[in-house]
Amino acid sequence: MKLIARASLYVLIVLTAATASHSWEPFDRVIAVVNDRPIVESEVAGRLDRLRQRKNVPANRLAYERSRLLDRFIEDSIVLQEAEQQSIVVSDEKVTNHIKKLMARMNITSMDDFKKRVEKVENLPFDEYREDVRKSLITEQVMSLAIGVTPPSRKEAMEWYNANKAKLGFEINVKHILIRPKNPSLAEEKRVIAEINALRQRIVRGEPFEQLAAQHSEDPGSAKKGGAIGWMSLAELDPYFANQVFRMADGQLSGAIKSGFDYHLVKFLGKRPVTFDSVEDRIVGMLFQQKLSEQFSKWVIQRRRESEVIIYMEDYVKA
């Protein structure tokens, strides 16, 4: 009864504030409470809207999908409350450093480009994406402290690699000259393509690719290395870029290749199956996360049983 009274008081406060400011904006309804912490309707509704933009959700599945999203918010609340008890804090700097590591893996040097990619691919405002990264880092620390799973060995990682090598695809080795349009107009797109074609002709006539990359490429990371990107997994590259480059032959010089946001002139150097050294860290991380997830699922179920969770969602469907 205490929690119901608090939830009612929360709604009353919102209504009072709205009346006091003469605003008739709709208030945010509490749809669950986890140990006195409310979860409001707009949080779940926003995630459901984005889910429906990514995939078709039949009308008879809406209540189920909404319920699973609410379950996720309940689990997040339990984890964040545990983090508070353990004095676990993830700073903005740590979140930014984690994002920069993701950018390096994807060979993205500009934070603005990464933001555009997140908002386009994930269909998520970047500020919300940052908070999801923060929650993920907090969850990892909570899991490590609460569960204490031992990281997998190099031998385990090698065994997984040998068993799944055929599924890992290829790495490609390329050099590129990156030219960024200054705006999204058709005229600017034509200008960039013309500039790339002009550079291509100069290379065909004998000028060194590396010299022109150093002079003209707008990718500061690779320009100082003569345009060299080095060996990269196709999965780490922009999919538009990877799909076009993968079809090239050794030594081939491309025309203008469009990636998600930029244009490239590419010199293809080679292709090979993904090597263990290049994916060892990711395999170890993946296996570690699998172990953690298995134990974490059991931990969350137990903590949810021990917590005071009240659900006000009318059409909530149990899993």
C-alpha atoms as a PDB file:
ATOM      1  CA  MET A   1       0.000   0.000   0.000  1.00  0.00           C
ATOM      2  CA  LYS A   2       2.918   2.289   0.737  1.00  0.00           C
ATOM      3  CA  LEU A   3       4.205   1.981  -2.850  1.00  0.00           C
ATOM      4  CA  ILE A   4       0.745   2.538  -4.319  1.00  0.00           C
ATOM      5  CA  ALA A   5       0.396   5.668  -2.199  1.00  0.00           C
ATOM      6  CA  ARG A   6       3.801   6.912  -3.415  1.00  0.00           C
ATOM      7  CA  ALA A   7       2.922   6.246  -7.045  1.00  0.00           C
ATOM      8  CA  SER A   8      -0.383   8.110  -6.568  1.00  0.00           C
ATOM      9  CA  LEU A   9       1.482  10.960  -4.887  1.00  0.00           C
ATOM     10  CA  TYR A  10       3.879  11.107  -7.861  1.00  0.00           C
ATOM     11  CA  VAL A  11       0.943  11.503 -10.263  1.00  0.00           C
ATOM     12  CA  LEU A  12      -0.653  14.086  -7.954  1.00  0.00           C
ATOM     13  CA  ILE A  13       2.564  16.127  -7.899  1.00  0.00           C
ATOM     14  CA  VAL A  14       2.739  16.107 -11.688  1.00  0.00           C
ATOM     15  CA  LEU A  15      -0.919  17.151 -11.959  1.00  0.00           C
ATOM     16  CA  THR A  16      -0.435  19.891  -9.371  1.00  0.00           C
ATOM     17  CA  ALA A  17       2.649  21.207 -11.177  1.00  0.00           C
ATOM     18  CA  ALA A  18       0.760  21.225 -14.463  1.00  0.00           C
ATOM     19  CA  THR A  19      -2.182  23.106 -12.894  1.00  0.00           C
ATOM     20  CA  ALA A  20       0.105  25.587 -11.138  1.00  0.00           C
ATOM     21  CA  SER A  21       1.818  26.501 -14.402  1.00  0.00           C
ATOM     22  CA  HIS A  22      -1.532  26.624 -16.268  1.00  0.00           C
ATOM     23  CA  SER A  23      -0.222  23.957 -18.635  1.00  0.00           C
ATOM     24  CA  TRP A  24      -2.400  21.115 -19.866  1.00  0.00           C
ATOM     25  CA  GLU A  25       0.445  19.029 -21.271  1.00  0.00           C
ATOM     26  CA  PRO A  26      -0.144  15.296 -20.696  1.00  0.00           C
ATOM     27  CA  PHE A  27       1.606  13.942 -17.595  1.00  0.00           C
ATOM     28  CA  ASP A  28       3.891  10.902 -17.607  1.00  0.00           C
ATOM     29  CA  ARG A  29       2.102   7.941 -16.065  1.00  0.00           C
ATOM     30  CA  VAL A  30       3.935   5.559 -13.721  1.00  0.00           C
ATOM     31  CA  ILE A  31       3.611   2.013 -15.104  1.00  0.00           C
ATOM     32  CA  ALA A  32       5.918   0.202 -12.666  1.00  0.00           C
ATOM     33  CA  VAL A  33       7.779   0.768  -9.414  1.00  0.00           C
ATOM     34  CA  VAL A  34      10.971  -1.064  -8.421  1.00  0.00           C
ATOM     35  CA  ASN A  35      11.862  -0.621  -4.748  1.00  0.00           C
ATOM     36  CA  ASP A  36      10.235   2.853  -4.726  1.00  0.00           C
ATOM     37  CA  ARG A  37      11.843   3.813  -8.085  1.00  0.00           C
ATOM     38  CA  PRO A  38       9.215   4.664 -10.741  1.00  0.00           C
ATOM     39  CA  ILE A  39       9.330   3.685 -14.412  1.00  0.00           C
ATOM     40  CA  VAL A  40       7.223   5.998 -16.548  1.00  0.00           C
ATOM     41  CA  GLU A  41       5.188   5.255 -19.638  1.00  0.00           C
ATOM     42  CA  SER A  42       7.095   7.524 -22.039  1.00  0.00           C
ATOM     43  CA  GLU A  43      10.334   5.560 -21.549  1.00  0.00           C
ATOM     44  CA  VAL A  44       8.764   2.299 -22.687  1.00  0.00           C
ATOM     45  CA  ALA A  45       6.635   3.978 -25.379  1.00  0.00           C
ATOM     46  CA  GLY A  46       9.718   5.582 -26.956  1.00  0.00           C
ATOM     47  CA  ARG A  47      11.553   2.262 -27.177  1.00  0.00           C
ATOM     48  CA  LEU A  48       8.442   0.568 -28.572  1.00  0.00           C
ATOM     49  CA  ASP A  49       8.127   3.221 -31.293  1.00  0.00           C
ATOM     50  CA  ARG A  50      11.731   2.653 -32.365  1.00  0.00           C
ATOM     51  CA  LEU A  51      11.227  -1.119 -32.304  1.00  0.00           C
ATOM     52  CA  ARG A  52       8.223  -0.751 -34.615  1.00  0.00           C
ATOM     53  CA  GLN A  53      10.268   1.380 -37.007  1.00  0.00           C
ATOM     54  CA  ARG A  54      12.850  -1.424 -37.286  1.00  0.00           C
ATOM     55  CA  LYS A  55      10.425  -4.322 -37.661  1.00  0.00           C
ATOM     56  CA  ASN A  56       6.771  -5.031 -38.221  1.00  0.00           C
ATOM     57  CA  VAL A  57       5.012  -5.765 -34.928  1.00  0.00           C
ATOM     58  CA  PRO A  58       1.510  -7.229 -35.437  1.00  0.00           C
ATOM     59  CA  ALA A  59      -1.249  -5.702 -33.322  1.00  0.00           C
ATOM     60  CA  ASN A  60      -1.695  -8.935 -31.390  1.00  0.00           C
ATOM     61  CA  ARG A  61       2.010  -8.820 -30.347  1.00  0.00           C
ATOM     62  CA  LEU A  62       2.115  -5.212 -29.148  1.00  0.00           C
ATOM     63  CA  ALA A  63       1.260  -6.006 -25.530  1.00  0.00           C
ATOM     64  CA  TYR A  64       3.885  -8.764 -25.445  1.00  0.00           C
ATOM     65  CA  GLU A  65       6.643  -6.555 -26.928  1.00  0.00           C
ATOM     66  CA  ARG A  66       5.717  -3.670 -24.606  1.00  0.00           C
ATOM     67  CA  SER A  67       5.857  -6.043 -21.635  1.00  0.00           C
ATOM     68  CA  ARG A  68       9.325  -7.318 -22.577  1.00  0.00           C
ATOM     69  CA  LEU A  69      10.570  -3.740 -22.910  1.00  0.00           C
ATOM     70  CA  LEU A  70       9.168  -2.978 -19.453  1.00  0.00           C
ATOM     71  CA  ASP A  71      10.975  -6.071 -18.122  1.00  0.00           C
ATOM     72  CA  ARG A  72      14.206  -4.635 -19.503  1.00  0.00           C
ATOM     73  CA  PHE A  73      13.613  -1.310 -17.724  1.00  0.00           C
ATOM     74  CA  ILE A  74      12.894  -3.209 -14.497  1.00  0.00           C
ATOM     75  CA  GLU A  75      16.180  -5.108 -14.854  1.00  0.00           C
ATOM     76  CA  ASP A  76      18.037  -1.850 -15.572  1.00  0.00           C
ATOM     77  CA  SER A  77      16.536  -0.319 -12.445  1.00  0.00           C
ATOM     78  CA  ILE A  78      17.642  -3.300 -10.337  1.00  0.00           C
ATOM     79  CA  VAL A  79      21.180  -3.066 -11.759  1.00  0.00           C
ATOM     80  CA  LEU A  80      21.424   0.704 -11.237  1.00  0.00           C
ATOM     81  CA  GLN A  81      20.208   0.362  -7.655  1.00  0.00           C
ATOM     82  CA  GLU A  82      22.870  -2.304  -7.055  1.00  0.00           C
ATOM     83  CA  ALA A  83      25.469   0.034  -8.600  1.00  0.00           C
ATOM     84  CA  GLU A  84      24.452   2.776  -6.162  1.00  0.00           C
ATOM     85  CA  GLN A  85      24.855   0.385  -3.240  1.00  0.00           C
ATOM     86  CA  GLN A  86      28.310  -0.617  -4.545  1.00  0.00           C
ATOM     87  CA  SER A  87      29.247   3.062  -5.230  1.00  0.00           C
ATOM     88  CA  ILE A  88      29.839   2.262  -8.908  1.00  0.00           C
ATOM     89  CA  VAL A  89      30.010   5.399 -11.064  1.00  0.00           C
ATOM     90  CA  VAL A  90      30.841   5.583 -14.777  1.00  0.00           C
ATOM     91  CA  SER A  91      32.085   9.044 -15.726  1.00  0.00           C
ATOM     92  CA  ASP A  92      31.416  10.929 -18.970  1.00  0.00           C
ATOM     93  CA  GLU A  93      35.110  10.513 -19.786  1.00  0.00           C
ATOM     94  CA  LYS A  94      34.874   6.728 -19.498  1.00  0.00           C
ATOM     95  CA  VAL A  95      31.806   6.680 -21.761  1.00  0.00           C
ATOM     96  CA  THR A  96      33.605   8.843 -24.337  1.00  0.00           C
ATOM     97  CA  ASN A  97      36.724   6.638 -24.238  1.00  0.00           C
ATOM     98  CA  HIS A  98      34.585   3.541 -24.801  1.00  0.00           C
ATOM     99  CA  ILE A  99      32.892   5.194 -27.791  1.00  0.00           C
ATOM    100  CA  LYS A 100      36.295   6.179 -29.217  1.00  0.00           C
ATOM    101  CA  LYS A 101      37.372   2.524 -29.043  1.00  0.00           C
ATOM    102  CA  LEU A 102      34.264   1.566 -31.004  1.00  0.00           C
ATOM    103  CA  MET A 103      35.071   4.293 -33.538  1.00  0.00           C
ATOM    104  CA  ALA A 104      38.640   2.999 -33.954  1.00  0.00           C
ATOM    105  CA  ARG A 105      37.340  -0.522 -34.621  1.00  0.00           C
ATOM    106  CA  MET A 106      34.992   0.854 -37.273  1.00  0.00           C
ATOM    107  CA  ASN A 107      37.731   3.110 -38.711  1.00  0.00           C
ATOM    108  CA  ILE A 108      35.657   6.239 -38.029  1.00  0.00           C
ATOM    109  CA  THR A 109      37.783   9.232 -37.053  1.00  0.00           C
ATOM    110  CA  SER A 110      35.114  11.928 -36.718  1.00  0.00           C
ATOM    111  CA  MET A 111      32.724  11.972 -33.738  1.00  0.00           C
ATOM    112  CA  ASP A 112      30.179  13.764 -35.928  1.00  0.00           C
ATOM    113  CA  ASP A 113      30.314  10.908 -38.448  1.00  0.00           C
ATOM    114  CA  PHE A 114      29.870   8.393 -35.644  1.00  0.00           C
ATOM    115  CA  LYS A 115      26.865  10.310 -34.303  1.00  0.00           C
ATOM    116  CA  LYS A 116      25.256  10.304 -37.744  1.00  0.00           C
ATOM    117  CA  ARG A 117      25.888   6.581 -38.101  1.00  0.00           C
ATOM    118  CA  VAL A 118      24.377   5.809 -34.693  1.00  0.00           C
ATOM    119  CA  GLU A 119      21.297   7.904 -35.358  1.00  0.00           C
ATOM    120  CA  LYS A 120      20.865   6.385 -38.805  1.00  0.00           C
ATOM    121  CA  VAL A 121      21.606   2.710 -38.051  1.00  0.00           C
ATOM    122  CA  GLU A 122      20.379   2.493 -34.444  1.00  0.00           C
ATOM    123  CA  ASN A 123      17.522   4.976 -34.977  1.00  0.00           C
ATOM    124  CA  LEU A 124      18.422   6.427 -31.595  1.00  0.00           C
ATOM    125  CA  PRO A 125      19.244   9.997 -30.459  1.00  0.00           C
ATOM    126  CA  PHE A 126      22.968  10.137 -29.695  1.00  0.00           C
ATOM    127  CA  ASP A 127      22.435  11.373 -26.112  1.00  0.00           C
ATOM    128  CA  GLU A 128      20.257   8.320 -25.469  1.00  0.00           C
ATOM    129  CA  TYR A 129      22.896   6.103 -27.075  1.00  0.00           C
ATOM    130  CA  ARG A 130      25.511   7.522 -24.702  1.00  0.00           C
ATOM    131  CA  GLU A 131      23.305   6.701 -21.723  1.00  0.00           C
ATOM    132  CA  ASP A 132      22.843   3.162 -23.030  1.00  0.00           C
ATOM    133  CA  VAL A 133      26.638   2.845 -23.226  1.00  0.00           C
ATOM    134  CA  ARG A 134      26.895   4.133 -19.636  1.00  0.00           C
ATOM    135  CA  LYS A 135      24.298   1.576 -18.460  1.00  0.00           C
ATOM    136  CA  SER A 136      26.181  -1.169 -20.287  1.00  0.00           C
ATOM    137  CA  LEU A 137      29.464  -0.224 -18.584  1.00  0.00           C
ATOM    138  CA  ILE A 138      27.747  -0.033 -15.196  1.00  0.00           C
ATOM    139  CA  THR A 139      26.150  -3.436 -15.805  1.00  0.00           C
ATOM    140  CA  GLU A 140      29.558  -4.938 -16.647  1.00  0.00           C
ATOM    141  CA  GLN A 141      30.991  -3.654 -13.361  1.00  0.00           C
ATOM    142  CA  VAL A 142      27.994  -4.847 -11.355  1.00  0.00           C
ATOM    143  CA  MET A 143      28.232  -8.262 -12.986  1.00  0.00           C
ATOM    144  CA  SER A 144      31.964  -8.490 -12.305  1.00  0.00           C
ATOM    145  CA  LEU A 145      31.506  -7.622  -8.630  1.00  0.00           C
ATOM    146  CA  ALA A 146      28.310  -9.566  -8.013  1.00  0.00           C
ATOM    147  CA  ILE A 147      29.135 -12.651 -10.068  1.00  0.00           C
ATOM    148  CA  GLY A 148      32.925 -12.767 -10.443  1.00  0.00           C
ATOM    149  CA  VAL A 149      33.195 -14.792 -13.664  1.00  0.00           C
ATOM    150  CA  THR A 150      36.738 -15.730 -14.697  1.00  0.00           C
ATOM    151  CA  PRO A 151      37.726 -14.449 -18.178  1.00  0.00           C
ATOM    152  CA  PRO A 152      38.218 -17.188 -20.815  1.00  0.00           C
ATOM    153  CA  SER A 153      41.740 -18.361 -21.639  1.00  0.00           C
ATOM    154  CA  ARG A 154      43.575 -17.873 -24.934  1.00  0.00           C
ATOM    155  CA  LYS A 155      43.162 -21.617 -25.529  1.00  0.00           C
ATOM    156  CA  GLU A 156      39.359 -21.317 -25.225  1.00  0.00           C
ATOM    157  CA  ALA A 157      39.400 -18.379 -27.639  1.00  0.00           C
ATOM    158  CA  MET A 158      41.532 -20.340 -30.149  1.00  0.00           C
ATOM    159  CA  GLU A 159      39.170 -23.333 -29.926  1.00  0.00           C
ATOM    160  CA  TRP A 160      36.211 -21.081 -30.668  1.00  0.00           C
ATOM    161  CA  TYR A 161      38.080 -19.464 -33.578  1.00  0.00           C
ATOM    162  CA  ASN A 162      38.951 -22.847 -35.155  1.00  0.00           C
ATOM    163  CA  ALA A 163      35.359 -24.027 -34.822  1.00  0.00           C
ATOM    164  CA  ASN A 164      33.891 -20.844 -36.329  1.00  0.00           C
ATOM    165  CA  LYS A 165      36.617 -19.654 -38.717  1.00  0.00           C
ATOM    166  CA  ALA A 166      34.473 -20.178 -41.816  1.00  0.00           C
ATOM    167  CA  LYS A 167      31.783 -17.862 -40.432  1.00  0.00           C
ATOM    168  CA  LEU A 168      34.123 -14.969 -39.672  1.00  0.00           C
ATOM    169  CA  GLY A 169      34.524 -13.837 -43.265  1.00  0.00           C
ATOM    170  CA  PHE A 170      37.445 -11.871 -44.670  1.00  0.00           C
ATOM    171  CA  GLU A 171      39.786  -8.997 -44.017  1.00  0.00           C
ATOM    172  CA  ILE A 172      40.789  -6.568 -46.714  1.00  0.00           C
ATOM    173  CA  ASN A 173      43.868  -4.371 -47.017  1.00  0.00           C
ATOM    174  CA  VAL A 174      43.319  -1.064 -48.793  1.00  0.00           C
ATOM    175  CA  LYS A 175      44.578   2.468 -49.137  1.00  0.00           C
ATOM    176  CA  HIS A 176      42.087   5.245 -49.695  1.00  0.00           C
ATOM    177  CA  ILE A 177      41.704   8.942 -50.375  1.00  0.00           C
ATOM    178  CA  LEU A 178      38.681  10.334 -48.551  1.00  0.00           C
ATOM    179  CA  ILE A 179      36.819  13.396 -49.803  1.00  0.00           C
ATOM    180  CA  ARG A 180      33.891  14.772 -47.780  1.00  0.00           C
ATOM    181  CA  PRO A 181      31.059  16.757 -49.377  1.00  0.00           C
ATOM    182  CA  LYS A 182      30.647  20.141 -47.712  1.00  0.00           C
ATOM    183  CA  ASN A 183      26.850  19.869 -47.918  1.00  0.00           C
ATOM    184  CA  PRO A 184      24.253  17.335 -49.144  1.00  0.00           C
ATOM    185  CA  SER A 185      23.480  19.094 -52.451  1.00  0.00           C
ATOM    186  CA  LEU A 186      23.688  17.361 -55.837  1.00  0.00           C
ATOM    187  CA  ALA A 187      26.129  20.019 -57.057  1.00  0.00           C
ATOM    188  CA  GLU A 188      28.503  19.263 -54.163  1.00  0.00           C
ATOM    189  CA  GLU A 189      28.220  15.532 -54.808  1.00  0.00           C
ATOM    190  CA  LYS A 190      29.178  16.098 -58.459  1.00  0.00           C
ATOM    191  CA  ARG A 191      32.127  18.263 -57.392  1.00  0.00           C
ATOM    192  CA  VAL A 192      33.484  15.565 -55.067  1.00  0.00           C
ATOM    193  CA  ILE A 193      33.109  12.821 -57.696  1.00  0.00           C
ATOM    194  CA  ALA A 194      34.873  15.018 -60.256  1.00  0.00           C
ATOM    195  CA  GLU A 195      37.726  15.669 -57.798  1.00  0.00           C
ATOM    196  CA  ILE A 196      38.127  11.930 -57.143  1.00  0.00           C
ATOM    197  CA  ASN A 197      38.070  11.137 -60.867  1.00  0.00           C
ATOM    198  CA  ALA A 198      40.741  13.799 -61.463  1.00  0.00           C
ATOM    199  CA  LEU A 199      42.945  12.275 -58.736  1.00  0.00           C
ATOM    200  CA  ARG A 200      42.417   8.841 -60.288  1.00  0.00           C
ATOM    201  CA  GLN A 201      43.651  10.072 -63.650  1.00  0.00           C
ATOM    202  CA  ARG A 202      46.768  11.537 -62.058  1.00  0.00           C
ATOM    203  CA  ILE A 203      47.521   8.158 -60.429  1.00  0.00           C
ATOM    204  CA  VAL A 204      46.915   6.304 -63.706  1.00  0.00           C
ATOM    205  CA  ARG A 205      49.395   8.682 -65.370  1.00  0.00           C
ATOM    206  CA  GLY A 206      52.037   7.736 -62.799  1.00  0.00           C
ATOM    207  CA  GLU A 207      51.751   9.950 -59.735  1.00  0.00           C
ATOM    208  CA  PRO A 208      52.129   7.973 -56.470  1.00  0.00           C
ATOM    209  CA  PHE A 209      48.843   7.162 -54.754  1.00  0.00           C
ATOM    210  CA  GLU A 210      50.507   7.666 -51.364  1.00  0.00           C
ATOM    211  CA  GLN A 211      51.665  11.183 -52.210  1.00  0.00           C
ATOM    212  CA  LEU A 212      48.226  12.279 -53.385  1.00  0.00           C
ATOM    213  CA  ALA A 213      46.599  10.674 -50.329  1.00  0.00           C
ATOM    214  CA  ALA A 214      48.894  12.652 -48.032  1.00  0.00           C
ATOM    215  CA  GLN A 215      48.035  15.877 -49.897  1.00  0.00           C
ATOM    216  CA  HIS A 216      44.300  15.478 -50.524  1.00  0.00           C
ATOM    217  CA  SER A 217      42.712  12.882 -48.225  1.00  0.00           C
ATOM    218  CA  GLU A 218      40.411  14.261 -45.532  1.00  0.00           C
ATOM    219  CA  ASP A 219      40.961  11.222 -43.307  1.00  0.00           C
ATOM    220  CA  PRO A 220      43.726  12.533 -41.002  1.00  0.00           C
ATOM    221  CA  GLY A 221      44.427   9.104 -39.543  1.00  0.00           C
ATOM    222  CA  SER A 222      45.323   7.427 -42.822  1.00  0.00           C
ATOM    223  CA  ALA A 223      46.460  10.448 -44.873  1.00  0.00           C
ATOM    224  CA  LYS A 224      49.767  10.683 -42.992  1.00  0.00           C
ATOM    225  CA  LYS A 225      50.315   6.981 -43.803  1.00  0.00           C
ATOM    226  CA  GLY A 226      49.790   7.447 -47.530  1.00  0.00           C
ATOM    227  CA  GLY A 227      46.121   6.477 -47.272  1.00  0.00           C
ATOM    228  CA  ALA A 228      46.852   3.103 -45.661  1.00  0.00           C
ATOM    229  CA  ILE A 229      44.012   1.683 -43.568  1.00  0.00           C
ATOM    230  CA  GLY A 230      45.678  -1.695 -43.071  1.00  0.00           C
ATOM    231  CA  TRP A 231      43.984  -5.048 -42.622  1.00  0.00           C
ATOM    232  CA  MET A 232      40.369  -4.576 -41.561  1.00  0.00           C
ATOM    233  CA  SER A 233      37.526  -7.045 -41.122  1.00  0.00           C
ATOM    234  CA  LEU A 234      34.618  -6.392 -43.467  1.00  0.00           C
ATOM    235  CA  ALA A 235      32.334  -6.339 -40.421  1.00  0.00           C
ATOM    236  CA  GLU A 236      34.295  -3.359 -39.029  1.00  0.00           C
ATOM    237  CA  LEU A 237      33.839  -1.255 -42.165  1.00  0.00           C
ATOM    238  CA  ASP A 238      30.963   0.867 -43.372  1.00  0.00           C
ATOM    239  CA  PRO A 239      28.680  -1.676 -45.140  1.00  0.00           C
ATOM    240  CA  TYR A 240      28.314   0.437 -48.312  1.00  0.00           C
ATOM    241  CA  PHE A 241      32.095   0.765 -48.527  1.00  0.00           C
ATOM    242  CA  ALA A 242      32.756  -2.921 -47.700  1.00  0.00           C
ATOM    243  CA  ASN A 243      30.285  -4.271 -50.275  1.00  0.00           C
ATOM    244  CA  GLN A 244      31.914  -2.345 -53.116  1.00  0.00           C
ATOM    245  CA  VAL A 245      35.545  -2.847 -52.114  1.00  0.00           C
ATOM    246  CA  PHE A 246      35.173  -6.596 -51.492  1.00  0.00           C
ATOM    247  CA  ARG A 247      34.569  -7.173 -55.225  1.00  0.00           C
ATOM    248  CA  MET A 248      37.855  -5.504 -56.248  1.00  0.00           C
ATOM    249  CA  ALA A 249      40.956  -7.403 -57.429  1.00  0.00           C
ATOM    250  CA  ASP A 250      44.511  -7.123 -56.073  1.00  0.00           C
ATOM    251  CA  GLY A 251      46.175  -3.923 -57.279  1.00  0.00           C
ATOM    252  CA  GLN A 252      42.936  -2.483 -58.666  1.00  0.00           C
ATOM    253  CA  LEU A 253      42.223   1.248 -58.469  1.00  0.00           C
ATOM    254  CA  SER A 254      38.560   2.108 -57.935  1.00  0.00           C
ATOM    255  CA  GLY A 255      36.417   4.910 -59.227  1.00  0.00           C
ATOM    256  CA  ALA A 256      34.489   7.084 -56.771  1.00  0.00           C
ATOM    257  CA  ILE A 257      33.058   4.845 -54.028  1.00  0.00           C
ATOM    258  CA  LYS A 258      30.296   6.205 -51.811  1.00  0.00           C
ATOM    259  CA  SER A 259      30.177   5.101 -48.186  1.00  0.00           C
ATOM    260  CA  GLY A 260      27.560   6.120 -45.646  1.00  0.00           C
ATOM    261  CA  PHE A 261      28.538   9.796 -45.650  1.00  0.00           C
ATOM    262  CA  ASP A 262      31.697  10.248 -47.748  1.00  0.00           C
ATOM    263  CA  TYR A 263      33.411   9.395 -51.050  1.00  0.00           C
ATOM    264  CA  HIS A 264      36.585   7.369 -51.500  1.00  0.00           C
ATOM    265  CA  LEU A 265      39.222   6.566 -54.094  1.00  0.00           C
ATOM    266  CA  VAL A 266      40.513   3.101 -53.184  1.00  0.00           C
ATOM    267  CA  LYS A 267      43.629   1.126 -54.023  1.00  0.00           C
ATOM    268  CA  PHE A 268      42.948  -2.542 -53.241  1.00  0.00           C
ATOM    269  CA  LEU A 269      45.964  -4.415 -51.850  1.00  0.00           C
ATOM    270  CA  GLY A 270      44.607  -7.822 -50.873  1.00  0.00           C
ATOM    271  CA  LYS A 271      42.084 -10.068 -49.160  1.00  0.00           C
ATOM    272  CA  ARG A 272      42.484 -12.929 -46.650  1.00  0.00           C
ATOM    273  CA  PRO A 273      40.396 -14.922 -44.155  1.00  0.00           C
ATOM    274  CA  VAL A 274      40.079 -13.217 -40.775  1.00  0.00           C
ATOM    275  CA  THR A 275      43.157 -14.098 -38.685  1.00  0.00           C
ATOM    276  CA  PHE A 276      43.035 -15.168 -35.045  1.00  0.00           C
ATOM    277  CA  ASP A 277      45.331 -12.332 -33.925  1.00  0.00           C
ATOM    278  CA  SER A 278      42.975  -9.741 -35.382  1.00  0.00           C
ATOM    279  CA  VAL A 279      39.900 -11.106 -33.585  1.00  0.00           C
ATOM    280  CA  GLU A 280      41.373 -12.632 -30.421  1.00  0.00           C
ATOM    281  CA  ASP A 281      40.353  -9.702 -28.189  1.00  0.00           C
ATOM    282  CA  ARG A 282      36.827  -9.718 -29.595  1.00  0.00           C
ATOM    283  CA  ILE A 283      36.461 -13.492 -29.172  1.00  0.00           C
ATOM    284  CA  VAL A 284      37.717 -13.322 -25.578  1.00  0.00           C
ATOM    285  CA  GLY A 285      35.298 -10.452 -24.942  1.00  0.00           C
ATOM    286  CA  MET A 286      32.416 -12.317 -26.542  1.00  0.00           C
ATOM    287  CA  LEU A 287      33.036 -15.527 -24.578  1.00  0.00           C
ATOM    288  CA  PHE A 288      33.418 -13.510 -21.374  1.00  0.00           C
ATOM    289  CA  GLN A 289      30.133 -11.721 -22.063  1.00  0.00           C
ATOM    290  CA  GLN A 290      28.410 -15.047 -22.724  1.00  0.00           C
ATOM    291  CA  LYS A 291      29.581 -16.391 -19.364  1.00  0.00           C
ATOM    292  CA  LEU A 292      28.564 -13.184 -17.629  1.00  0.00           C
ATOM    293  CA  SER A 293      25.173 -13.109 -19.361  1.00  0.00           C
ATOM    294  CA  GLU A 294      24.345 -16.655 -18.319  1.00  0.00           C
ATOM    295  CA  GLN A 295      25.164 -15.928 -14.681  1.00  0.00           C
ATOM    296  CA  PHE A 296      23.707 -12.433 -14.834  1.00  0.00           C
ATOM    297  CA  SER A 297      20.316 -13.743 -16.035  1.00  0.00           C
ATOM    298  CA  LYS A 298      20.155 -15.992 -12.975  1.00  0.00           C
ATOM    299  CA  TRP A 299      21.277 -13.113 -10.716  1.00  0.00           C
ATOM    300  CA  VAL A 300      18.641 -10.706 -12.107  1.00  0.00           C
ATOM    301  CA  ILE A 301      15.853 -13.278 -11.731  1.00  0.00           C
ATOM    302  CA  GLN A 302      16.843 -13.814  -8.106  1.00  0.00           C
ATOM    303  CA  ARG A 303      17.165 -10.074  -7.383  1.00  0.00           C
ATOM    304  CA  ARG A 304      13.785  -9.414  -9.004  1.00  0.00           C
ATOM    305  CA  ARG A 305      12.224 -11.988  -6.686  1.00  0.00           C
ATOM    306  CA  GLU A 306      13.863 -10.270  -3.733  1.00  0.00           C
ATOM    307  CA  SER A 307      12.835  -6.772  -4.864  1.00  0.00           C
ATOM    308  CA  GLU A 308       9.486  -5.066  -4.406  1.00  0.00           C
ATOM    309  CA  VAL A 309       8.251  -4.740  -7.991  1.00  0.00           C
ATOM    310  CA  ILE A 310       4.752  -3.441  -8.711  1.00  0.00           C
ATOM    311  CA  ILE A 311       3.494  -3.266 -12.299  1.00  0.00           C
ATOM    312  CA  TYR A 312       0.641  -0.908 -13.209  1.00  0.00           C
ATOM    313  CA  MET A 313       0.663  -1.616 -16.968  1.00  0.00           C
ATOM    314  CA  GLU A 314      -2.874  -2.840 -17.706  1.00  0.00           C
ATOM    315  CA  ASP A 315      -1.999  -5.165 -20.569  1.00  0.00           C
ATOM    316  CA  TYR A 316       1.237  -6.557 -19.087  1.00  0.00           C
ATOM    317  CA  VAL A 317       1.967 -10.078 -20.327  1.00  0.00           C
ATOM    318  CA  LYS A 318       4.183 -12.351 -18.237  1.00  0.00           C
ATOM    319  CA  ALA A 319       7.118 -13.922 -20.103  1.00  0.00           C
END
